[in-house]
PDB file of N, CA and C in Angstrom:
ATOM      1  N   TYR A   1      -2.812  49.842  20.216  1.00  0.00           N
ATOM      2  CA  TYR A   1      -4.279  49.580  20.215  1.00  0.00           C
ATOM      3  C   TYR A   1      -4.838  49.594  21.517  1.00  0.00           C
ATOM      4  N   VAL A   2      -4.027  49.709  22.694  1.00  0.00           N
ATOM      5  CA  VAL A   2      -4.527  49.699  23.994  1.00  0.00           C
ATOM      6  C   VAL A   2      -5.740  50.612  24.254  1.00  0.00           C
ATOM      7  N   ASN A   3      -5.677  51.751  23.849  1.00  0.00           N
ATOM      8  CA  ASN A   3      -6.823  52.620  24.061  1.00  0.00           C
ATOM      9  C   ASN A   3      -7.395  53.178  22.738  1.00  0.00           C
ATOM     10  N   GLY A   4      -7.066  52.553  21.617  1.00  0.00           N
ATOM     11  CA  GLY A   4      -7.542  52.970  20.292  1.00  0.00           C
ATOM     12  C   GLY A   4      -8.910  52.516  19.958  1.00  0.00           C
ATOM     13  N   ALA A   5      -9.438  53.028  18.845  1.00  0.00           N
ATOM     14  CA  ALA A   5     -10.723  52.757  18.337  1.00  0.00           C
ATOM     15  C   ALA A   5     -10.859  51.325  17.827  1.00  0.00           C
ATOM     16  N   HIS A   6      -9.749  50.670  17.549  1.00  0.00           N
ATOM     17  CA  HIS A   6      -9.809  49.338  16.961  1.00  0.00           C
ATOM     18  C   HIS A   6      -9.351  48.262  17.945  1.00  0.00           C
ATOM     19  N   ARG A   7      -9.559  48.595  19.207  1.00  0.00           N
ATOM     20  CA  ARG A   7      -9.112  47.733  20.376  1.00  0.00           C
ATOM     21  C   ARG A   7      -9.758  46.316  20.226  1.00  0.00           C
ATOM     22  N   ASN A   8     -11.091  46.279  20.014  1.00  0.00           N
ATOM     23  CA  ASN A   8     -11.841  44.952  19.884  1.00  0.00           C
ATOM     24  C   ASN A   8     -11.241  44.250  18.662  1.00  0.00           C
ATOM     25  N   GLU A   9     -11.101  44.876  17.608  1.00  0.00           N
ATOM     26  CA  GLU A   9     -10.601  44.188  16.423  1.00  0.00           C
ATOM     27  C   GLU A   9      -9.236  43.567  16.697  1.00  0.00           C
ATOM     28  N   ALA A  10      -8.397  44.325  17.298  1.00  0.00           N
ATOM     29  CA  ALA A  10      -7.006  43.817  17.734  1.00  0.00           C
ATOM     30  C   ALA A  10      -7.209  42.618  18.618  1.00  0.00           C
ATOM     31  N   HIS A  11      -8.028  42.613  19.638  1.00  0.00           N
ATOM     32  CA  HIS A  11      -8.188  41.432  20.473  1.00  0.00           C
ATOM     33  C   HIS A  11      -8.764  40.247  19.701  1.00  0.00           C
ATOM     34  N   ARG A  12      -9.603  40.498  18.764  1.00  0.00           N
ATOM     35  CA  ARG A  12     -10.143  39.365  17.947  1.00  0.00           C
ATOM     36  C   ARG A  12      -9.014  38.754  17.121  1.00  0.00           C
ATOM     37  N   ARG A  13      -8.230  39.639  16.514  1.00  0.00           N
ATOM     38  CA  ARG A  13      -7.159  39.055  15.738  1.00  0.00           C
ATOM     39  C   ARG A  13      -6.122  38.269  16.563  1.00  0.00           C
ATOM     40  N   ILE A  14      -5.779  38.800  17.738  1.00  0.00           N
ATOM     41  CA  ILE A  14      -4.914  38.129  18.580  1.00  0.00           C
ATOM     42  C   ILE A  14      -5.352  36.863  19.074  1.00  0.00           C
ATOM     43  N   ALA A  15      -6.723  36.802  19.450  1.00  0.00           N
ATOM     44  CA  ALA A  15      -7.340  35.622  19.888  1.00  0.00           C
ATOM     45  C   ALA A  15      -7.316  34.524  18.706  1.00  0.00           C
ATOM     46  N   ARG A  16      -7.556  34.969  17.488  1.00  0.00           N
ATOM     47  CA  ARG A  16      -7.640  34.109  16.347  1.00  0.00           C
ATOM     48  C   ARG A  16      -6.223  33.534  16.138  1.00  0.00           C
ATOM     49  N   ILE A  17      -5.217  34.351  16.271  1.00  0.00           N
ATOM     50  CA  ILE A  17      -3.766  33.826  16.055  1.00  0.00           C
ATOM     51  C   ILE A  17      -3.582  32.725  17.048  1.00  0.00           C
ATOM     52  N   TYR A  18      -3.869  32.987  18.349  1.00  0.00           N
ATOM     53  CA  TYR A  18      -3.631  31.984  19.407  1.00  0.00           C
ATOM     54  C   TYR A  18      -4.411  30.752  19.159  1.00  0.00           C
ATOM     55  N   PHE A  19      -5.680  30.953  18.708  1.00  0.00           N
ATOM     56  CA  PHE A  19      -6.485  29.768  18.454  1.00  0.00           C
ATOM     57  C   PHE A  19      -5.951  28.933  17.348  1.00  0.00           C
ATOM     58  N   ASP A  20      -5.540  29.562  16.284  1.00  0.00           N
ATOM     59  CA  ASP A  20      -4.998  28.808  15.181  1.00  0.00           C
ATOM     60  C   ASP A  20      -3.698  28.110  15.431  1.00  0.00           C
ATOM     61  N   ARG A  21      -2.887  28.628  16.476  1.00  0.00           N
ATOM     62  CA  ARG A  21      -1.671  28.039  17.037  1.00  0.00           C
ATOM     63  C   ARG A  21      -1.962  27.011  18.098  1.00  0.00           C
ATOM     64  N   PHE A  22      -3.155  26.802  18.365  1.00  0.00           N
ATOM     65  CA  PHE A  22      -3.715  25.781  19.395  1.00  0.00           C
ATOM     66  C   PHE A  22      -3.192  26.201  20.709  1.00  0.00           C
ATOM     67  N   GLU A  23      -3.050  27.479  20.909  1.00  0.00           N
ATOM     68  CA  GLU A  23      -2.762  28.073  22.248  1.00  0.00           C
ATOM     69  C   GLU A  23      -4.087  28.556  22.845  1.00  0.00           C
ATOM     70  N   TYR A  24      -4.926  27.677  23.340  1.00  0.00           N
ATOM     71  CA  TYR A  24      -6.275  27.972  23.701  1.00  0.00           C
ATOM     72  C   TYR A  24      -6.377  28.847  24.959  1.00  0.00           C
ATOM     73  N   GLU A  25      -5.497  28.597  25.909  1.00  0.00           N
ATOM     74  CA  GLU A  25      -5.476  29.483  27.202  1.00  0.00           C
ATOM     75  C   GLU A  25      -5.341  30.897  26.830  1.00  0.00           C
ATOM     76  N   LYS A  26      -4.320  31.233  25.902  1.00  0.00           N
ATOM     77  CA  LYS A  26      -4.107  32.609  25.533  1.00  0.00           C
ATOM     78  C   LYS A  26      -5.271  33.076  24.726  1.00  0.00           C
ATOM     79  N   ALA A  27      -5.839  32.266  23.881  1.00  0.00           N
ATOM     80  CA  ALA A  27      -6.963  32.700  23.174  1.00  0.00           C
ATOM     81  C   ALA A  27      -8.179  33.076  24.063  1.00  0.00           C
ATOM     82  N   ILE A  28      -8.435  32.247  25.096  1.00  0.00           N
ATOM     83  CA  ILE A  28      -9.443  32.533  26.043  1.00  0.00           C
ATOM     84  C   ILE A  28      -9.220  33.870  26.654  1.00  0.00           C
ATOM     85  N   ARG A  29      -8.014  34.185  27.123  1.00  0.00           N
ATOM     86  CA  ARG A  29      -7.692  35.484  27.784  1.00  0.00           C
ATOM     87  C   ARG A  29      -8.067  36.607  26.797  1.00  0.00           C
ATOM     88  N   ALA A  30      -7.815  36.447  25.540  1.00  0.00           N
ATOM     89  CA  ALA A  30      -7.982  37.480  24.530  1.00  0.00           C
ATOM     90  C   ALA A  30      -9.579  37.576  24.312  1.00  0.00           C
ATOM     91  N   TYR A  31     -10.163  36.468  24.306  1.00  0.00           N
ATOM     92  CA  TYR A  31     -11.750  36.465  24.122  1.00  0.00           C
ATOM     93  C   TYR A  31     -12.418  37.115  25.292  1.00  0.00           C
ATOM     94  N   SER A  32     -11.738  36.843  26.460  1.00  0.00           N
ATOM     95  CA  SER A  32     -12.388  37.292  27.729  1.00  0.00           C
ATOM     96  C   SER A  32     -12.282  38.855  27.801  1.00  0.00           C
ATOM     97  N   ALA A  33     -11.167  39.446  27.260  1.00  0.00           N
ATOM     98  CA  ALA A  33     -10.986  40.840  27.251  1.00  0.00           C
ATOM     99  C   ALA A  33     -12.094  41.477  26.363  1.00  0.00           C
ATOM    100  N   ILE A  34     -12.515  40.827  25.343  1.00  0.00           N
ATOM    101  CA  ILE A  34     -13.569  41.246  24.479  1.00  0.00           C
ATOM    102  C   ILE A  34     -14.996  41.217  25.227  1.00  0.00           C
ATOM    103  N   CYS A  35     -15.119  40.049  25.915  1.00  0.00           N
ATOM    104  CA  CYS A  35     -16.398  39.954  26.662  1.00  0.00           C
ATOM    105  C   CYS A  35     -16.586  40.985  27.784  1.00  0.00           C
ATOM    106  N   GLU A  36     -15.507  41.230  28.421  1.00  0.00           N
ATOM    107  CA  GLU A  36     -15.565  42.308  29.523  1.00  0.00           C
ATOM    108  C   GLU A  36     -15.930  43.689  28.937  1.00  0.00           C
ATOM    109  N   GLU A  37     -15.381  44.003  27.848  1.00  0.00           N
ATOM    110  CA  GLU A  37     -15.726  45.380  27.302  1.00  0.00           C
ATOM    111  C   GLU A  37     -17.051  45.424  26.469  1.00  0.00           C
ATOM    112  N   SER A  38     -17.415  44.286  25.870  1.00  0.00           N
ATOM    113  CA  SER A  38     -18.586  44.354  24.982  1.00  0.00           C
ATOM    114  C   SER A  38     -19.518  43.137  25.160  1.00  0.00           C
ATOM    115  N   SER A  39     -19.807  42.974  26.518  1.00  0.00           N
ATOM    116  CA  SER A  39     -20.603  41.702  26.746  1.00  0.00           C
ATOM    117  C   SER A  39     -21.998  41.772  26.137  1.00  0.00           C
ATOM    118  N   THR A  40     -22.569  42.878  25.915  1.00  0.00           N
ATOM    119  CA  THR A  40     -23.995  42.865  25.311  1.00  0.00           C
ATOM    120  C   THR A  40     -24.006  43.009  23.813  1.00  0.00           C
ATOM    121  N   THR A  41     -22.868  43.118  23.189  1.00  0.00           N
ATOM    122  CA  THR A  41     -22.933  43.205  21.752  1.00  0.00           C
ATOM    123  C   THR A  41     -22.802  41.916  21.134  1.00  0.00           C
ATOM    124  N   ASP A  42     -23.034  41.835  19.832  1.00  0.00           N
ATOM    125  CA  ASP A  42     -22.785  40.435  19.129  1.00  0.00           C
ATOM    126  C   ASP A  42     -21.298  40.124  19.173  1.00  0.00           C
ATOM    127  N   GLU A  43     -20.387  41.155  19.183  1.00  0.00           N
ATOM    128  CA  GLU A  43     -18.973  40.749  19.336  1.00  0.00           C
ATOM    129  C   GLU A  43     -18.703  40.086  20.572  1.00  0.00           C
ATOM    130  N   GLY A  44     -19.282  40.537  21.678  1.00  0.00           N
ATOM    131  CA  GLY A  44     -19.099  40.148  23.050  1.00  0.00           C
ATOM    132  C   GLY A  44     -19.556  38.696  23.181  1.00  0.00           C
ATOM    133  N   VAL A  45     -20.816  38.373  22.599  1.00  0.00           N
ATOM    134  CA  VAL A  45     -21.377  37.131  22.598  1.00  0.00           C
ATOM    135  C   VAL A  45     -20.609  36.154  21.816  1.00  0.00           C
ATOM    136  N   GLU A  46     -20.172  36.632  20.676  1.00  0.00           N
ATOM    137  CA  GLU A  46     -19.283  35.727  19.827  1.00  0.00           C
ATOM    138  C   GLU A  46     -17.936  35.321  20.593  1.00  0.00           C
ATOM    139  N   ALA A  47     -17.424  36.303  21.140  1.00  0.00           N
ATOM    140  CA  ALA A  47     -16.165  36.053  21.934  1.00  0.00           C
ATOM    141  C   ALA A  47     -16.386  35.087  23.037  1.00  0.00           C
ATOM    142  N   TYR A  48     -17.570  35.163  23.779  1.00  0.00           N
ATOM    143  CA  TYR A  48     -17.949  34.266  24.781  1.00  0.00           C
ATOM    144  C   TYR A  48     -18.047  32.897  24.261  1.00  0.00           C
ATOM    145  N   TYR A  49     -18.756  32.708  23.068  1.00  0.00           N
ATOM    146  CA  TYR A  49     -18.937  31.450  22.481  1.00  0.00           C
ATOM    147  C   TYR A  49     -17.591  30.880  22.026  1.00  0.00           C
ATOM    148  N   ARG A  50     -16.792  31.608  21.435  1.00  0.00           N
ATOM    149  CA  ARG A  50     -15.400  31.162  21.090  1.00  0.00           C
ATOM    150  C   ARG A  50     -14.527  30.740  22.259  1.00  0.00           C
ATOM    151  N   ALA A  51     -14.760  31.360  23.399  1.00  0.00           N
ATOM    152  CA  ALA A  51     -14.113  30.917  24.590  1.00  0.00           C
ATOM    153  C   ALA A  51     -14.574  29.542  24.985  1.00  0.00           C
ATOM    154  N   GLY A  52     -15.866  29.304  24.834  1.00  0.00           N
ATOM    155  CA  GLY A  52     -16.375  27.983  24.966  1.00  0.00           C
ATOM    156  C   GLY A  52     -15.869  26.953  24.168  1.00  0.00           C
ATOM    157  N   ILE A  53     -15.664  27.250  22.897  1.00  0.00           N
ATOM    158  CA  ILE A  53     -14.972  26.412  21.887  1.00  0.00           C
ATOM    159  C   ILE A  53     -13.588  26.018  22.402  1.00  0.00           C
ATOM    160  N   CYS A  54     -12.859  26.979  22.835  1.00  0.00           N
ATOM    161  CA  CYS A  54     -11.525  26.809  23.321  1.00  0.00           C
ATOM    162  C   CYS A  54     -11.526  25.879  24.483  1.00  0.00           C
ATOM    163  N   HIS A  55     -12.445  25.973  25.447  1.00  0.00           N
ATOM    164  CA  HIS A  55     -12.479  25.079  26.526  1.00  0.00           C
ATOM    165  C   HIS A  55     -12.852  23.663  26.073  1.00  0.00           C
ATOM    166  N   GLN A  56     -13.688  23.565  25.032  1.00  0.00           N
ATOM    167  CA  GLN A  56     -14.070  22.269  24.542  1.00  0.00           C
ATOM    168  C   GLN A  56     -12.833  21.634  23.855  1.00  0.00           C
ATOM    169  N   LYS A  57     -11.974  22.436  23.142  1.00  0.00           N
ATOM    170  CA  LYS A  57     -10.794  21.901  22.452  1.00  0.00           C
ATOM    171  C   LYS A  57      -9.720  21.482  23.476  1.00  0.00           C
ATOM    172  N   MET A  58      -9.779  22.062  24.716  1.00  0.00           N
ATOM    173  CA  MET A  58      -8.712  21.736  25.673  1.00  0.00           C
ATOM    174  C   MET A  58      -9.277  20.543  26.532  1.00  0.00           C
ATOM    175  N   GLY A  59     -10.436  20.056  26.292  1.00  0.00           N
ATOM    176  CA  GLY A  59     -10.990  18.906  26.963  1.00  0.00           C
ATOM    177  C   GLY A  59     -11.813  19.236  28.270  1.00  0.00           C
ATOM    178  N   ASP A  60     -12.079  20.527  28.480  1.00  0.00           N
ATOM    179  CA  ASP A  60     -12.780  21.005  29.616  1.00  0.00           C
ATOM    180  C   ASP A  60     -14.274  21.128  29.224  1.00  0.00           C
ATOM    181  N   ASP A  61     -14.875  19.925  29.020  1.00  0.00           N
ATOM    182  CA  ASP A  61     -16.318  19.903  28.628  1.00  0.00           C
ATOM    183  C   ASP A  61     -17.276  20.525  29.542  1.00  0.00           C
ATOM    184  N   ALA A  62     -16.997  20.442  30.906  1.00  0.00           N
ATOM    185  CA  ALA A  62     -17.825  21.047  31.827  1.00  0.00           C
ATOM    186  C   ALA A  62     -17.968  22.479  31.718  1.00  0.00           C
ATOM    187  N   LYS A  63     -16.748  23.140  31.595  1.00  0.00           N
ATOM    188  CA  LYS A  63     -16.694  24.595  31.405  1.00  0.00           C
ATOM    189  C   LYS A  63     -17.308  25.030  30.107  1.00  0.00           C
ATOM    190  N   ALA A  64     -17.030  24.255  29.022  1.00  0.00           N
ATOM    191  CA  ALA A  64     -17.695  24.566  27.794  1.00  0.00           C
ATOM    192  C   ALA A  64     -19.205  24.530  27.925  1.00  0.00           C
ATOM    193  N   LEU A  65     -19.780  23.478  28.497  1.00  0.00           N
ATOM    194  CA  LEU A  65     -21.226  23.386  28.623  1.00  0.00           C
ATOM    195  C   LEU A  65     -21.760  24.559  29.527  1.00  0.00           C
ATOM    196  N   GLU A  66     -20.960  24.957  30.553  1.00  0.00           N
ATOM    197  CA  GLU A  66     -21.343  26.106  31.410  1.00  0.00           C
ATOM    198  C   GLU A  66     -21.488  27.354  30.478  1.00  0.00           C
ATOM    199  N   ILE A  67     -20.517  27.610  29.648  1.00  0.00           N
ATOM    200  CA  ILE A  67     -20.441  28.835  28.782  1.00  0.00           C
ATOM    201  C   ILE A  67     -21.617  28.678  27.801  1.00  0.00           C
ATOM    202  N   PHE A  68     -21.799  27.568  27.150  1.00  0.00           N
ATOM    203  CA  PHE A  68     -22.868  27.453  26.065  1.00  0.00           C
ATOM    204  C   PHE A  68     -24.200  27.551  26.773  1.00  0.00           C
ATOM    205  N   GLY A  69     -24.358  27.015  27.977  1.00  0.00           N
ATOM    206  CA  GLY A  69     -25.662  27.167  28.674  1.00  0.00           C
ATOM    207  C   GLY A  69     -25.955  28.681  29.125  1.00  0.00           C
ATOM    208  N   ALA A  70     -24.923  29.311  29.394  1.00  0.00           N
ATOM    209  CA  ALA A  70     -25.074  30.798  29.873  1.00  0.00           C
ATOM    210  C   ALA A  70     -25.444  31.619  28.588  1.00  0.00           C
ATOM    211  N   ILE A  71     -24.846  31.311  27.455  1.00  0.00           N
ATOM    212  CA  ILE A  71     -25.276  31.985  26.282  1.00  0.00           C
ATOM    213  C   ILE A  71     -26.685  31.824  25.886  1.00  0.00           C
ATOM    214  N   ILE A  72     -27.201  30.584  26.023  1.00  0.00           N
ATOM    215  CA  ILE A  72     -28.656  30.235  25.721  1.00  0.00           C
ATOM    216  C   ILE A  72     -29.450  30.992  26.613  1.00  0.00           C
ATOM    217  N   GLU A  73     -29.091  30.941  27.890  1.00  0.00           N
ATOM    218  CA  GLU A  73     -29.978  31.672  28.979  1.00  0.00           C
ATOM    219  C   GLU A  73     -29.969  33.239  28.809  1.00  0.00           C
ATOM    220  N   GLN A  74     -28.742  33.776  28.654  1.00  0.00           N
ATOM    221  CA  GLN A  74     -28.564  35.250  28.601  1.00  0.00           C
ATOM    222  C   GLN A  74     -28.912  35.903  27.317  1.00  0.00           C
ATOM    223  N   TYR A  75     -28.617  35.174  26.263  1.00  0.00           N
ATOM    224  CA  TYR A  75     -28.824  35.708  24.885  1.00  0.00           C
ATOM    225  C   TYR A  75     -29.618  34.818  23.986  1.00  0.00           C
ATOM    226  N   PRO A  76     -30.912  34.452  24.411  1.00  0.00           N
ATOM    227  CA  PRO A  76     -31.651  33.477  23.702  1.00  0.00           C
ATOM    228  C   PRO A  76     -31.912  33.728  22.277  1.00  0.00           C
ATOM    229  N   TYR A  77     -31.952  35.045  21.956  1.00  0.00           N
ATOM    230  CA  TYR A  77     -32.391  35.380  20.555  1.00  0.00           C
ATOM    231  C   TYR A  77     -30.998  35.652  19.597  1.00  0.00           C
ATOM    232  N   SER A  78     -29.894  35.435  20.116  1.00  0.00           N
ATOM    233  CA  SER A  78     -28.714  35.679  19.394  1.00  0.00           C
ATOM    234  C   SER A  78     -28.468  34.403  18.387  1.00  0.00           C
ATOM    235  N   ASN A  79     -27.616  34.623  17.352  1.00  0.00           N
ATOM    236  CA  ASN A  79     -27.188  33.581  16.558  1.00  0.00           C
ATOM    237  C   ASN A  79     -26.387  32.543  17.325  1.00  0.00           C
ATOM    238  N   TYR A  80     -25.755  32.985  18.365  1.00  0.00           N
ATOM    239  CA  TYR A  80     -24.806  32.053  19.084  1.00  0.00           C
ATOM    240  C   TYR A  80     -25.592  31.291  20.049  1.00  0.00           C
ATOM    241  N   ALA A  81     -26.865  31.456  20.328  1.00  0.00           N
ATOM    242  CA  ALA A  81     -27.648  30.636  21.176  1.00  0.00           C
ATOM    243  C   ALA A  81     -27.886  29.414  20.417  1.00  0.00           C
ATOM    244  N   GLY A  82     -28.280  29.477  19.182  1.00  0.00           N
ATOM    245  CA  GLY A  82     -28.414  28.332  18.373  1.00  0.00           C
ATOM    246  C   GLY A  82     -27.150  27.434  18.119  1.00  0.00           C
ATOM    247  N   LEU A  83     -26.069  28.169  17.985  1.00  0.00           N
ATOM    248  CA  LEU A  83     -24.809  27.472  17.849  1.00  0.00           C
ATOM    249  C   LEU A  83     -24.397  26.740  19.141  1.00  0.00           C
ATOM    250  N   SER A  84     -24.748  27.447  20.270  1.00  0.00           N
ATOM    251  CA  SER A  84     -24.404  26.910  21.603  1.00  0.00           C
ATOM    252  C   SER A  84     -25.217  25.604  21.821  1.00  0.00           C
ATOM    253  N   ARG A  85     -26.557  25.675  21.406  1.00  0.00           N
ATOM    254  CA  ARG A  85     -27.388  24.413  21.552  1.00  0.00           C
ATOM    255  C   ARG A  85     -26.698  23.266  20.719  1.00  0.00           C
ATOM    256  N   MET A  86     -26.225  23.576  19.561  1.00  0.00           N
ATOM    257  CA  MET A  86     -25.710  22.573  18.728  1.00  0.00           C
ATOM    258  C   MET A  86     -24.454  21.997  19.385  1.00  0.00           C
ATOM    259  N   GLN A  87     -23.607  22.836  19.901  1.00  0.00           N
ATOM    260  CA  GLN A  87     -22.339  22.343  20.644  1.00  0.00           C
ATOM    261  C   GLN A  87     -22.712  21.592  21.834  1.00  0.00           C
ATOM    262  N   MET A  88     -23.726  22.007  22.554  1.00  0.00           N
ATOM    263  CA  MET A  88     -24.159  21.195  23.752  1.00  0.00           C
ATOM    264  C   MET A  88     -24.584  19.773  23.303  1.00  0.00           C
ATOM    265  N   ASP A  89     -25.386  19.759  22.282  1.00  0.00           N
ATOM    266  CA  ASP A  89     -25.892  18.482  21.792  1.00  0.00           C
ATOM    267  C   ASP A  89     -24.717  17.576  21.292  1.00  0.00           C
ATOM    268  N   LEU A  90     -23.735  18.139  20.604  1.00  0.00           N
ATOM    269  CA  LEU A  90     -22.567  17.432  20.250  1.00  0.00           C
ATOM    270  C   LEU A  90     -21.790  16.765  21.444  1.00  0.00           C
ATOM    271  N   LEU A  91     -21.513  17.779  22.472  1.00  0.00           N
ATOM    272  CA  LEU A  91     -20.862  17.245  23.697  1.00  0.00           C
ATOM    273  C   LEU A  91     -21.628  16.135  24.392  1.00  0.00           C
ATOM    274  N   LYS A  92     -22.833  16.205  24.392  1.00  0.00           N
ATOM    275  CA  LYS A  92     -23.676  15.128  25.021  1.00  0.00           C
ATOM    276  C   LYS A  92     -23.527  13.844  24.203  1.00  0.00           C
ATOM    277  N   ILE A  93     -23.377  13.901  22.935  1.00  0.00           N
ATOM    278  CA  ILE A  93     -23.234  12.721  22.113  1.00  0.00           C
ATOM    279  C   ILE A  93     -21.965  12.099  22.214  1.00  0.00           C
ATOM    280  N   ILE A  94     -20.866  12.962  22.254  1.00  0.00           N
ATOM    281  CA  ILE A  94     -19.503  12.570  22.361  1.00  0.00           C
ATOM    282  C   ILE A  94     -19.134  11.994  23.623  1.00  0.00           C
ATOM    283  N   SER A  95     -19.597  12.667  24.682  1.00  0.00           N
ATOM    284  CA  SER A  95     -19.279  12.195  26.083  1.00  0.00           C
ATOM    285  C   SER A  95     -20.530  12.130  26.937  1.00  0.00           C
ATOM    286  N   PRO A  96     -21.402  11.119  26.690  1.00  0.00           N
ATOM    287  CA  PRO A  96     -22.560  11.088  27.536  1.00  0.00           C
ATOM    288  C   PRO A  96     -22.270  10.648  28.876  1.00  0.00           C
ATOM    289  N   ARG A  97     -23.002  11.291  29.841  1.00  0.00           N
ATOM    290  CA  ARG A  97     -22.787  10.910  31.154  1.00  0.00           C
ATOM    291  C   ARG A  97     -24.066  10.513  31.880  1.00  0.00           C
TER     292      ARG A  97
END
């Protein structure tokens, strides 16, 4: 799949496998590969959002908030901007500072 037409699909599946196995750092690497290649597409924004979820699961709330904030700022009309707002609100409720 390295240079194939289904490269992004392969990265998504790999990332999902790692996510389901609670191997969030590896999932982040796979999601980052999608972001680098498809940053302006819905798939790229989704991968960026999922990377934020991985950071949240690992307890890195600051990085998760950074990612969610970037999505809201850079892609305000995407579906993931609304989801990012919701995640930010949840993080603020769970760990108010």
